Amino acid sequence: MSCDDDDVDCAEVLDRVYAFLDHELGDDRTLSYAEIEAHLHDCGGCLSKYDLERAVKAVLARSCACEHAPEELRTKVLARIREVRVHVTEA
């Protein structure tokens, strides 16, 4: 996926969308919160995917509000999401 934003790569934004949603972009981040927000404002495709992920996160939060997944499970789920995303973008 690409858009008219030559400064920021869509794949990089989408790869960091969960960390962005959770306000967990690390110190090693290559994109700042402001850069991601600006990209989402300008790129309809990324904004659409972001909105979907935000909605899923909200539904999960309502359904599982009192339970937290173990860190190991969280890591495995995020790794699998990245694998699927790479597979889909390569197809």
PDB file of N, CA and C in Angstrom:
ATOM      1  N   MET A   1       0.839  -1.163   0.000  1.00  0.00           N
ATOM      2  CA  MET A   1       0.000   0.000   0.000  1.00  0.00           C
ATOM      3  C   MET A   1       0.884   1.225   0.000  1.00  0.00           C
ATOM      4  N   SER A   2       0.470   2.210  -0.728  1.00  0.00           N
ATOM      5  CA  SER A   2       1.210   3.458  -0.723  1.00  0.00           C
ATOM      6  C   SER A   2       0.228   4.604  -0.890  1.00  0.00           C
ATOM      7  N   CYS A   3       0.710   5.791  -0.606  1.00  0.00           N
ATOM      8  CA  CYS A   3      -0.117   6.977  -0.751  1.00  0.00           C
ATOM      9  C   CYS A   3       0.785   8.110  -1.229  1.00  0.00           C
ATOM     10  N   ASP A   4       0.279   9.322  -1.151  1.00  0.00           N
ATOM     11  CA  ASP A   4       1.044  10.469  -1.633  1.00  0.00           C
ATOM     12  C   ASP A   4       2.056  10.989  -0.620  1.00  0.00           C
ATOM     13  N   ASP A   5       2.136  10.373   0.542  1.00  0.00           N
ATOM     14  CA  ASP A   5       3.063  10.802   1.587  1.00  0.00           C
ATOM     15  C   ASP A   5       4.435  10.195   1.299  1.00  0.00           C
ATOM     16  N   ASP A   6       5.323  10.999   0.746  1.00  0.00           N
ATOM     17  CA  ASP A   6       6.664  10.507   0.402  1.00  0.00           C
ATOM     18  C   ASP A   6       7.569  10.391   1.622  1.00  0.00           C
ATOM     19  N   ASP A   7       7.195  11.037   2.723  1.00  0.00           N
ATOM     20  CA  ASP A   7       8.045  11.039   3.911  1.00  0.00           C
ATOM     21  C   ASP A   7       7.868   9.800   4.787  1.00  0.00           C
ATOM     22  N   VAL A   8       6.696   9.180   4.722  1.00  0.00           N
ATOM     23  CA  VAL A   8       6.388   8.068   5.618  1.00  0.00           C
ATOM     24  C   VAL A   8       5.844   6.897   4.805  1.00  0.00           C
ATOM     25  N   ASP A   9       6.371   5.714   5.083  1.00  0.00           N
ATOM     26  CA  ASP A   9       5.961   4.497   4.395  1.00  0.00           C
ATOM     27  C   ASP A   9       4.740   3.894   5.077  1.00  0.00           C
ATOM     28  N   CYS A  10       3.713   3.562   4.299  1.00  0.00           N
ATOM     29  CA  CYS A  10       2.485   2.969   4.847  1.00  0.00           C
ATOM     30  C   CYS A  10       2.777   1.700   5.638  1.00  0.00           C
ATOM     31  N   ALA A  11       3.622   0.836   5.118  1.00  0.00           N
ATOM     32  CA  ALA A  11       3.926  -0.420   5.809  1.00  0.00           C
ATOM     33  C   ALA A  11       4.526  -0.154   7.178  1.00  0.00           C
ATOM     34  N   GLU A  12       5.352   0.864   7.279  1.00  0.00           N
ATOM     35  CA  GLU A  12       5.969   1.195   8.564  1.00  0.00           C
ATOM     36  C   GLU A  12       4.918   1.703   9.552  1.00  0.00           C
ATOM     37  N   VAL A  13       3.984   2.518   9.067  1.00  0.00           N
ATOM     38  CA  VAL A  13       2.908   3.013   9.930  1.00  0.00           C
ATOM     39  C   VAL A  13       2.061   1.845  10.412  1.00  0.00           C
ATOM     40  N   LEU A  14       1.652   0.975   9.499  1.00  0.00           N
ATOM     41  CA  LEU A  14       0.788  -0.143   9.866  1.00  0.00           C
ATOM     42  C   LEU A  14       1.501  -1.135  10.779  1.00  0.00           C
ATOM     43  N   ASP A  15       2.809  -1.248  10.636  1.00  0.00           N
ATOM     44  CA  ASP A  15       3.582  -2.133  11.501  1.00  0.00           C
ATOM     45  C   ASP A  15       3.594  -1.616  12.943  1.00  0.00           C
ATOM     46  N   ARG A  16       3.419  -0.323  13.108  1.00  0.00           N
ATOM     47  CA  ARG A  16       3.479   0.288  14.438  1.00  0.00           C
ATOM     48  C   ARG A  16       2.104   0.693  14.973  1.00  0.00           C
ATOM     49  N   VAL A  17       1.043   0.314  14.271  1.00  0.00           N
ATOM     50  CA  VAL A  17      -0.283   0.783  14.648  1.00  0.00           C
ATOM     51  C   VAL A  17      -0.687   0.316  16.049  1.00  0.00           C
ATOM     52  N   TYR A  18      -0.341  -0.905  16.447  1.00  0.00           N
ATOM     53  CA  TYR A  18      -0.699  -1.383  17.787  1.00  0.00           C
ATOM     54  C   TYR A  18       0.064  -0.609  18.858  1.00  0.00           C
ATOM     55  N   ALA A  19       1.329  -0.405  18.653  1.00  0.00           N
ATOM     56  CA  ALA A  19       2.118   0.366  19.617  1.00  0.00           C
ATOM     57  C   ALA A  19       1.599   1.802  19.689  1.00  0.00           C
ATOM     58  N   PHE A  20       1.202   2.347  18.550  1.00  0.00           N
ATOM     59  CA  PHE A  20       0.645   3.692  18.512  1.00  0.00           C
ATOM     60  C   PHE A  20      -0.665   3.744  19.297  1.00  0.00           C
ATOM     61  N   LEU A  21      -1.545   2.783  19.046  1.00  0.00           N
ATOM     62  CA  LEU A  21      -2.828   2.728  19.752  1.00  0.00           C
ATOM     63  C   LEU A  21      -2.642   2.606  21.261  1.00  0.00           C
ATOM     64  N   ASP A  22      -1.654   1.834  21.671  1.00  0.00           N
ATOM     65  CA  ASP A  22      -1.404   1.587  23.092  1.00  0.00           C
ATOM     66  C   ASP A  22      -0.477   2.616  23.722  1.00  0.00           C
ATOM     67  N   HIS A  23      -0.066   3.606  22.940  1.00  0.00           N
ATOM     68  CA  HIS A  23       0.895   4.615  23.413  1.00  0.00           C
ATOM     69  C   HIS A  23       2.153   3.941  23.934  1.00  0.00           C
ATOM     70  N   GLU A  24       2.655   2.973  23.142  1.00  0.00           N
ATOM     71  CA  GLU A  24       3.829   2.201  23.543  1.00  0.00           C
ATOM     72  C   GLU A  24       4.956   2.268  22.516  1.00  0.00           C
ATOM     73  N   LEU A  25       5.011   3.327  21.733  1.00  0.00           N
ATOM     74  CA  LEU A  25       6.150   3.462  20.818  1.00  0.00           C
ATOM     75  C   LEU A  25       7.401   3.607  21.671  1.00  0.00           C
ATOM     76  N   GLY A  26       8.370   2.763  21.426  1.00  0.00           N
ATOM     77  CA  GLY A  26       9.586   2.768  22.239  1.00  0.00           C
ATOM     78  C   GLY A  26      10.535   3.889  21.870  1.00  0.00           C
ATOM     79  N   ASP A  27      11.608   3.969  22.624  1.00  0.00           N
ATOM     80  CA  ASP A  27      12.627   4.988  22.362  1.00  0.00           C
ATOM     81  C   ASP A  27      13.342   4.756  21.040  1.00  0.00           C
ATOM     82  N   ASP A  28      13.325   3.502  20.558  1.00  0.00           N
ATOM     83  CA  ASP A  28      14.013   3.174  19.316  1.00  0.00           C
ATOM     84  C   ASP A  28      13.128   3.440  18.093  1.00  0.00           C
ATOM     85  N   ARG A  29      11.996   4.066  18.301  1.00  0.00           N
ATOM     86  CA  ARG A  29      11.042   4.281  17.209  1.00  0.00           C
ATOM     87  C   ARG A  29      11.651   5.127  16.102  1.00  0.00           C
ATOM     88  N   THR A  30      11.278   4.787  14.901  1.00  0.00           N
ATOM     89  CA  THR A  30      11.737   5.565  13.763  1.00  0.00           C
ATOM     90  C   THR A  30      10.709   6.605  13.372  1.00  0.00           C
ATOM     91  N   LEU A  31       9.475   6.399  13.813  1.00  0.00           N
ATOM     92  CA  LEU A  31       8.412   7.364  13.561  1.00  0.00           C
ATOM     93  C   LEU A  31       7.893   7.906  14.889  1.00  0.00           C
ATOM     94  N   SER A  32       7.658   9.186  14.940  1.00  0.00           N
ATOM     95  CA  SER A  32       7.098   9.784  16.151  1.00  0.00           C
ATOM     96  C   SER A  32       5.582   9.681  16.116  1.00  0.00           C
ATOM     97  N   TYR A  33       4.977   9.924  17.258  1.00  0.00           N
ATOM     98  CA  TYR A  33       3.516   9.940  17.319  1.00  0.00           C
ATOM     99  C   TYR A  33       2.966  10.970  16.337  1.00  0.00           C
ATOM    100  N   ALA A  34       3.589  12.146  16.283  1.00  0.00           N
ATOM    101  CA  ALA A  34       3.118  13.213  15.396  1.00  0.00           C
ATOM    102  C   ALA A  34       3.211  12.801  13.925  1.00  0.00           C
ATOM    103  N   GLU A  35       4.279  12.103  13.553  1.00  0.00           N
ATOM    104  CA  GLU A  35       4.431  11.651  12.164  1.00  0.00           C
ATOM    105  C   GLU A  35       3.377  10.618  11.795  1.00  0.00           C
ATOM    106  N   ILE A  36       3.094   9.718  12.723  1.00  0.00           N
ATOM    107  CA  ILE A  36       2.070   8.708  12.451  1.00  0.00           C
ATOM    108  C   ILE A  36       0.698   9.372  12.355  1.00  0.00           C
ATOM    109  N   GLU A  37       0.383  10.278  13.280  1.00  0.00           N
ATOM    110  CA  GLU A  37      -0.891  10.988  13.223  1.00  0.00           C
ATOM    111  C   GLU A  37      -1.045  11.755  11.909  1.00  0.00           C
ATOM    112  N   ALA A  38       0.002  12.432  11.492  1.00  0.00           N
ATOM    113  CA  ALA A  38      -0.051  13.194  10.244  1.00  0.00           C
ATOM    114  C   ALA A  38      -0.268  12.259   9.059  1.00  0.00           C
ATOM    115  N   HIS A  39       0.394  11.122   9.060  1.00  0.00           N
ATOM    116  CA  HIS A  39       0.233  10.160   7.968  1.00  0.00           C
ATOM    117  C   HIS A  39      -1.198   9.632   7.934  1.00  0.00           C
ATOM    118  N   LEU A  40      -1.745   9.287   9.098  1.00  0.00           N
ATOM    119  CA  LEU A  40      -3.116   8.787   9.153  1.00  0.00           C
ATOM    120  C   LEU A  40      -4.101   9.847   8.664  1.00  0.00           C
ATOM    121  N   HIS A  41      -3.812  11.089   8.929  1.00  0.00           N
ATOM    122  CA  HIS A  41      -4.670  12.190   8.480  1.00  0.00           C
ATOM    123  C   HIS A  41      -4.661  12.300   6.960  1.00  0.00           C
ATOM    124  N   ASP A  42      -3.512  12.008   6.349  1.00  0.00           N
ATOM    125  CA  ASP A  42      -3.346  12.178   4.897  1.00  0.00           C
ATOM    126  C   ASP A  42      -3.583  10.922   4.086  1.00  0.00           C
ATOM    127  N   CYS A  43      -3.580   9.753   4.714  1.00  0.00           N
ATOM    128  CA  CYS A  43      -3.651   8.490   3.968  1.00  0.00           C
ATOM    129  C   CYS A  43      -4.931   7.734   4.331  1.00  0.00           C
ATOM    130  N   GLY A  44      -5.883   7.749   3.435  1.00  0.00           N
ATOM    131  CA  GLY A  44      -7.164   7.091   3.679  1.00  0.00           C
ATOM    132  C   GLY A  44      -7.041   5.598   3.911  1.00  0.00           C
ATOM    133  N   GLY A  45      -6.157   4.929   3.191  1.00  0.00           N
ATOM    134  CA  GLY A  45      -5.978   3.484   3.349  1.00  0.00           C
ATOM    135  C   GLY A  45      -5.473   3.122   4.727  1.00  0.00           C
ATOM    136  N   CYS A  46      -4.468   3.832   5.198  1.00  0.00           N
ATOM    137  CA  CYS A  46      -3.921   3.562   6.534  1.00  0.00           C
ATOM    138  C   CYS A  46      -4.929   3.950   7.608  1.00  0.00           C
ATOM    139  N   LEU A  47      -5.646   5.052   7.398  1.00  0.00           N
ATOM    140  CA  LEU A  47      -6.651   5.480   8.367  1.00  0.00           C
ATOM    141  C   LEU A  47      -7.742   4.433   8.500  1.00  0.00           C
ATOM    142  N   SER A  48      -8.139   3.848   7.389  1.00  0.00           N
ATOM    143  CA  SER A  48      -9.163   2.802   7.409  1.00  0.00           C
ATOM    144  C   SER A  48      -8.698   1.602   8.230  1.00  0.00           C
ATOM    145  N   LYS A  49      -7.473   1.162   8.011  1.00  0.00           N
ATOM    146  CA  LYS A  49      -6.932   0.031   8.768  1.00  0.00           C
ATOM    147  C   LYS A  49      -6.765   0.398  10.246  1.00  0.00           C
ATOM    148  N   TYR A  50      -6.331   1.605  10.511  1.00  0.00           N
ATOM    149  CA  TYR A  50      -6.184   2.078  11.887  1.00  0.00           C
ATOM    150  C   TYR A  50      -7.536   2.068  12.599  1.00  0.00           C
ATOM    151  N   ASP A  51      -8.570   2.585  11.921  1.00  0.00           N
ATOM    152  CA  ASP A  51      -9.907   2.616  12.520  1.00  0.00           C
ATOM    153  C   ASP A  51     -10.407   1.217  12.831  1.00  0.00           C
ATOM    154  N   LEU A  52     -10.135   0.269  11.943  1.00  0.00           N
ATOM    155  CA  LEU A  52     -10.539  -1.114  12.187  1.00  0.00           C
ATOM    156  C   LEU A  52      -9.832  -1.665  13.423  1.00  0.00           C
ATOM    157  N   GLU A  53      -8.538  -1.459  13.516  1.00  0.00           N
ATOM    158  CA  GLU A  53      -7.770  -1.956  14.657  1.00  0.00           C
ATOM    159  C   GLU A  53      -8.235  -1.289  15.953  1.00  0.00           C
ATOM    160  N   ARG A  54      -8.554  -0.002  15.880  1.00  0.00           N
ATOM    161  CA  ARG A  54      -9.044   0.723  17.057  1.00  0.00           C
ATOM    162  C   ARG A  54     -10.387   0.150  17.506  1.00  0.00           C
ATOM    163  N   ALA A  55     -11.254  -0.172  16.549  1.00  0.00           N
ATOM    164  CA  ALA A  55     -12.561  -0.750  16.879  1.00  0.00           C
ATOM    165  C   ALA A  55     -12.407  -2.131  17.513  1.00  0.00           C
ATOM    166  N   VAL A  56     -11.540  -2.955  16.943  1.00  0.00           N
ATOM    167  CA  VAL A  56     -11.295  -4.292  17.501  1.00  0.00           C
ATOM    168  C   VAL A  56     -10.752  -4.167  18.920  1.00  0.00           C
ATOM    169  N   LYS A  57      -9.835  -3.266  19.118  1.00  0.00           N
ATOM    170  CA  LYS A  57      -9.255  -3.061  20.452  1.00  0.00           C
ATOM    171  C   LYS A  57     -10.335  -2.633  21.445  1.00  0.00           C
ATOM    172  N   ALA A  58     -11.236  -1.765  21.029  1.00  0.00           N
ATOM    173  CA  ALA A  58     -12.310  -1.302  21.909  1.00  0.00           C
ATOM    174  C   ALA A  58     -13.248  -2.446  22.288  1.00  0.00           C
ATOM    175  N   VAL A  59     -13.599  -3.279  21.316  1.00  0.00           N
ATOM    176  CA  VAL A  59     -14.472  -4.429  21.588  1.00  0.00           C
ATOM    177  C   VAL A  59     -13.785  -5.390  22.559  1.00  0.00           C
ATOM    178  N   LEU A  60     -12.526  -5.657  22.318  1.00  0.00           N
ATOM    179  CA  LEU A  60     -11.786  -6.548  23.215  1.00  0.00           C
ATOM    180  C   LEU A  60     -11.679  -5.963  24.619  1.00  0.00           C
ATOM    181  N   ALA A  61     -11.463  -4.673  24.699  1.00  0.00           N
ATOM    182  CA  ALA A  61     -11.355  -4.031  26.015  1.00  0.00           C
ATOM    183  C   ALA A  61     -12.663  -4.158  26.789  1.00  0.00           C
ATOM    184  N   ARG A  62     -13.783  -3.994  26.087  1.00  0.00           N
ATOM    185  CA  ARG A  62     -15.077  -4.135  26.768  1.00  0.00           C
ATOM    186  C   ARG A  62     -15.325  -5.577  27.192  1.00  0.00           C
ATOM    187  N   SER A  63     -14.894  -6.512  26.366  1.00  0.00           N
ATOM    188  CA  SER A  63     -15.152  -7.921  26.642  1.00  0.00           C
ATOM    189  C   SER A  63     -14.216  -8.502  27.698  1.00  0.00           C
ATOM    190  N   CYS A  64     -13.025  -7.992  27.775  1.00  0.00           N
ATOM    191  CA  CYS A  64     -11.996  -8.571  28.650  1.00  0.00           C
ATOM    192  C   CYS A  64     -11.444  -7.536  29.628  1.00  0.00           C
ATOM    193  N   ALA A  65     -12.276  -6.624  30.054  1.00  0.00           N
ATOM    194  CA  ALA A  65     -11.806  -5.488  30.850  1.00  0.00           C
ATOM    195  C   ALA A  65     -11.087  -5.894  32.128  1.00  0.00           C
ATOM    196  N   CYS A  66     -11.479  -6.995  32.733  1.00  0.00           N
ATOM    197  CA  CYS A  66     -10.878  -7.324  34.022  1.00  0.00           C
ATOM    198  C   CYS A  66      -9.741  -8.336  33.903  1.00  0.00           C
ATOM    199  N   GLU A  67      -9.499  -8.850  32.721  1.00  0.00           N
ATOM    200  CA  GLU A  67      -8.448  -9.850  32.552  1.00  0.00           C
ATOM    201  C   GLU A  67      -7.367  -9.317  31.617  1.00  0.00           C
ATOM    202  N   HIS A  68      -6.129  -9.575  31.965  1.00  0.00           N
ATOM    203  CA  HIS A  68      -5.002  -9.171  31.125  1.00  0.00           C
ATOM    204  C   HIS A  68      -4.286 -10.421  30.626  1.00  0.00           C
ATOM    205  N   ALA A  69      -3.946 -10.411  29.354  1.00  0.00           N
ATOM    206  CA  ALA A  69      -3.218 -11.540  28.779  1.00  0.00           C
ATOM    207  C   ALA A  69      -1.783 -11.528  29.302  1.00  0.00           C
ATOM    208  N   PRO A  70      -1.225 -12.704  29.513  1.00  0.00           N
ATOM    209  CA  PRO A  70       0.188 -12.770  29.908  1.00  0.00           C
ATOM    210  C   PRO A  70       1.071 -12.166  28.809  1.00  0.00           C
ATOM    211  N   GLU A  71       2.180 -11.602  29.208  1.00  0.00           N
ATOM    212  CA  GLU A  71       3.080 -10.937  28.249  1.00  0.00           C
ATOM    213  C   GLU A  71       3.529 -11.888  27.145  1.00  0.00           C
ATOM    214  N   GLU A  72       3.779 -13.151  27.482  1.00  0.00           N
ATOM    215  CA  GLU A  72       4.206 -14.133  26.478  1.00  0.00           C
ATOM    216  C   GLU A  72       3.128 -14.313  25.407  1.00  0.00           C
ATOM    217  N   LEU A  73       1.883 -14.379  25.801  1.00  0.00           N
ATOM    218  CA  LEU A  73       0.776 -14.504  24.846  1.00  0.00           C
ATOM    219  C   LEU A  73       0.683 -13.259  23.974  1.00  0.00           C
ATOM    220  N   ARG A  74       0.798 -12.098  24.581  1.00  0.00           N
ATOM    221  CA  ARG A  74       0.749 -10.838  23.835  1.00  0.00           C
ATOM    222  C   ARG A  74       1.842 -10.808  22.767  1.00  0.00           C
ATOM    223  N   THR A  75       3.030 -11.222  23.129  1.00  0.00           N
ATOM    224  CA  THR A  75       4.150 -11.242  22.192  1.00  0.00           C
ATOM    225  C   THR A  75       3.881 -12.197  21.035  1.00  0.00           C
ATOM    226  N   LYS A  76       3.347 -13.364  21.335  1.00  0.00           N
ATOM    227  CA  LYS A  76       3.039 -14.351  20.288  1.00  0.00           C
ATOM    228  C   LYS A  76       1.947 -13.841  19.351  1.00  0.00           C
ATOM    229  N   VAL A  77       0.920 -13.230  19.901  1.00  0.00           N
ATOM    230  CA  VAL A  77      -0.175 -12.717  19.074  1.00  0.00           C
ATOM    231  C   VAL A  77       0.329 -11.607  18.154  1.00  0.00           C
ATOM    232  N   LEU A  78       1.100 -10.689  18.684  1.00  0.00           N
ATOM    233  CA  LEU A  78       1.640  -9.602  17.858  1.00  0.00           C
ATOM    234  C   LEU A  78       2.557 -10.139  16.763  1.00  0.00           C
ATOM    235  N   ALA A  79       3.357 -11.150  17.081  1.00  0.00           N
ATOM    236  CA  ALA A  79       4.241 -11.749  16.068  1.00  0.00           C
ATOM    237  C   ALA A  79       3.417 -12.390  14.954  1.00  0.00           C
ATOM    238  N   ARG A  80       2.353 -13.071  15.332  1.00  0.00           N
ATOM    239  CA  ARG A  80       1.497 -13.719  14.327  1.00  0.00           C
ATOM    240  C   ARG A  80       0.784 -12.684  13.453  1.00  0.00           C
ATOM    241  N   ILE A  81       0.347 -11.608  14.047  1.00  0.00           N
ATOM    242  CA  ILE A  81      -0.290 -10.534  13.277  1.00  0.00           C
ATOM    243  C   ILE A  81       0.687  -9.978  12.254  1.00  0.00           C
ATOM    244  N   ARG A  82       1.929  -9.780  12.666  1.00  0.00           N
ATOM    245  CA  ARG A  82       2.943  -9.273  11.723  1.00  0.00           C
ATOM    246  C   ARG A  82       3.172 -10.261  10.584  1.00  0.00           C
ATOM    247  N   GLU A  83       3.216 -11.554  10.906  1.00  0.00           N
ATOM    248  CA  GLU A  83       3.398 -12.579   9.867  1.00  0.00           C
ATOM    249  C   GLU A  83       2.257 -12.538   8.851  1.00  0.00           C
ATOM    250  N   VAL A  84       1.049 -12.470   9.340  1.00  0.00           N
ATOM    251  CA  VAL A  84      -0.121 -12.430   8.457  1.00  0.00           C
ATOM    252  C   VAL A  84      -0.107 -11.168   7.624  1.00  0.00           C
ATOM    253  N   ARG A  85       0.221 -10.035   8.238  1.00  0.00           N
ATOM    254  CA  ARG A  85       0.250  -8.764   7.519  1.00  0.00           C
ATOM    255  C   ARG A  85       1.284  -8.811   6.388  1.00  0.00           C
ATOM    256  N   VAL A  86       2.449  -9.373   6.661  1.00  0.00           N
ATOM    257  CA  VAL A  86       3.483  -9.491   5.627  1.00  0.00           C
ATOM    258  C   VAL A  86       3.003 -10.394   4.507  1.00  0.00           C
ATOM    259  N   HIS A  87       2.388 -11.508   4.863  1.00  0.00           N
ATOM    260  CA  HIS A  87       1.868 -12.449   3.858  1.00  0.00           C
ATOM    261  C   HIS A  87       0.812 -11.780   2.986  1.00  0.00           C
ATOM    262  N   VAL A  88      -0.090 -11.023   3.593  1.00  0.00           N
ATOM    263  CA  VAL A  88      -1.160 -10.352   2.842  1.00  0.00           C
ATOM    264  C   VAL A  88      -0.583  -9.270   1.935  1.00  0.00           C
ATOM    265  N   THR A  89       0.369  -8.507   2.407  1.00  0.00           N
ATOM    266  CA  THR A  89       0.924  -7.435   1.577  1.00  0.00           C
ATOM    267  C   THR A  89       1.770  -7.978   0.438  1.00  0.00           C
ATOM    268  N   GLU A  90       2.323  -9.171   0.595  1.00  0.00           N
ATOM    269  CA  GLU A  90       3.126  -9.766  -0.471  1.00  0.00           C
ATOM    270  C   GLU A  90       2.252 -10.404  -1.552  1.00  0.00           C
ATOM    271  N   ALA A  91       1.023 -10.725  -1.219  1.00  0.00           N
ATOM    272  CA  ALA A  91       0.123 -11.400  -2.163  1.00  0.00           C
ATOM    273  C   ALA A  91      -0.416 -10.471  -3.226  1.00  0.00           C
TER     274      ALA A  91
END
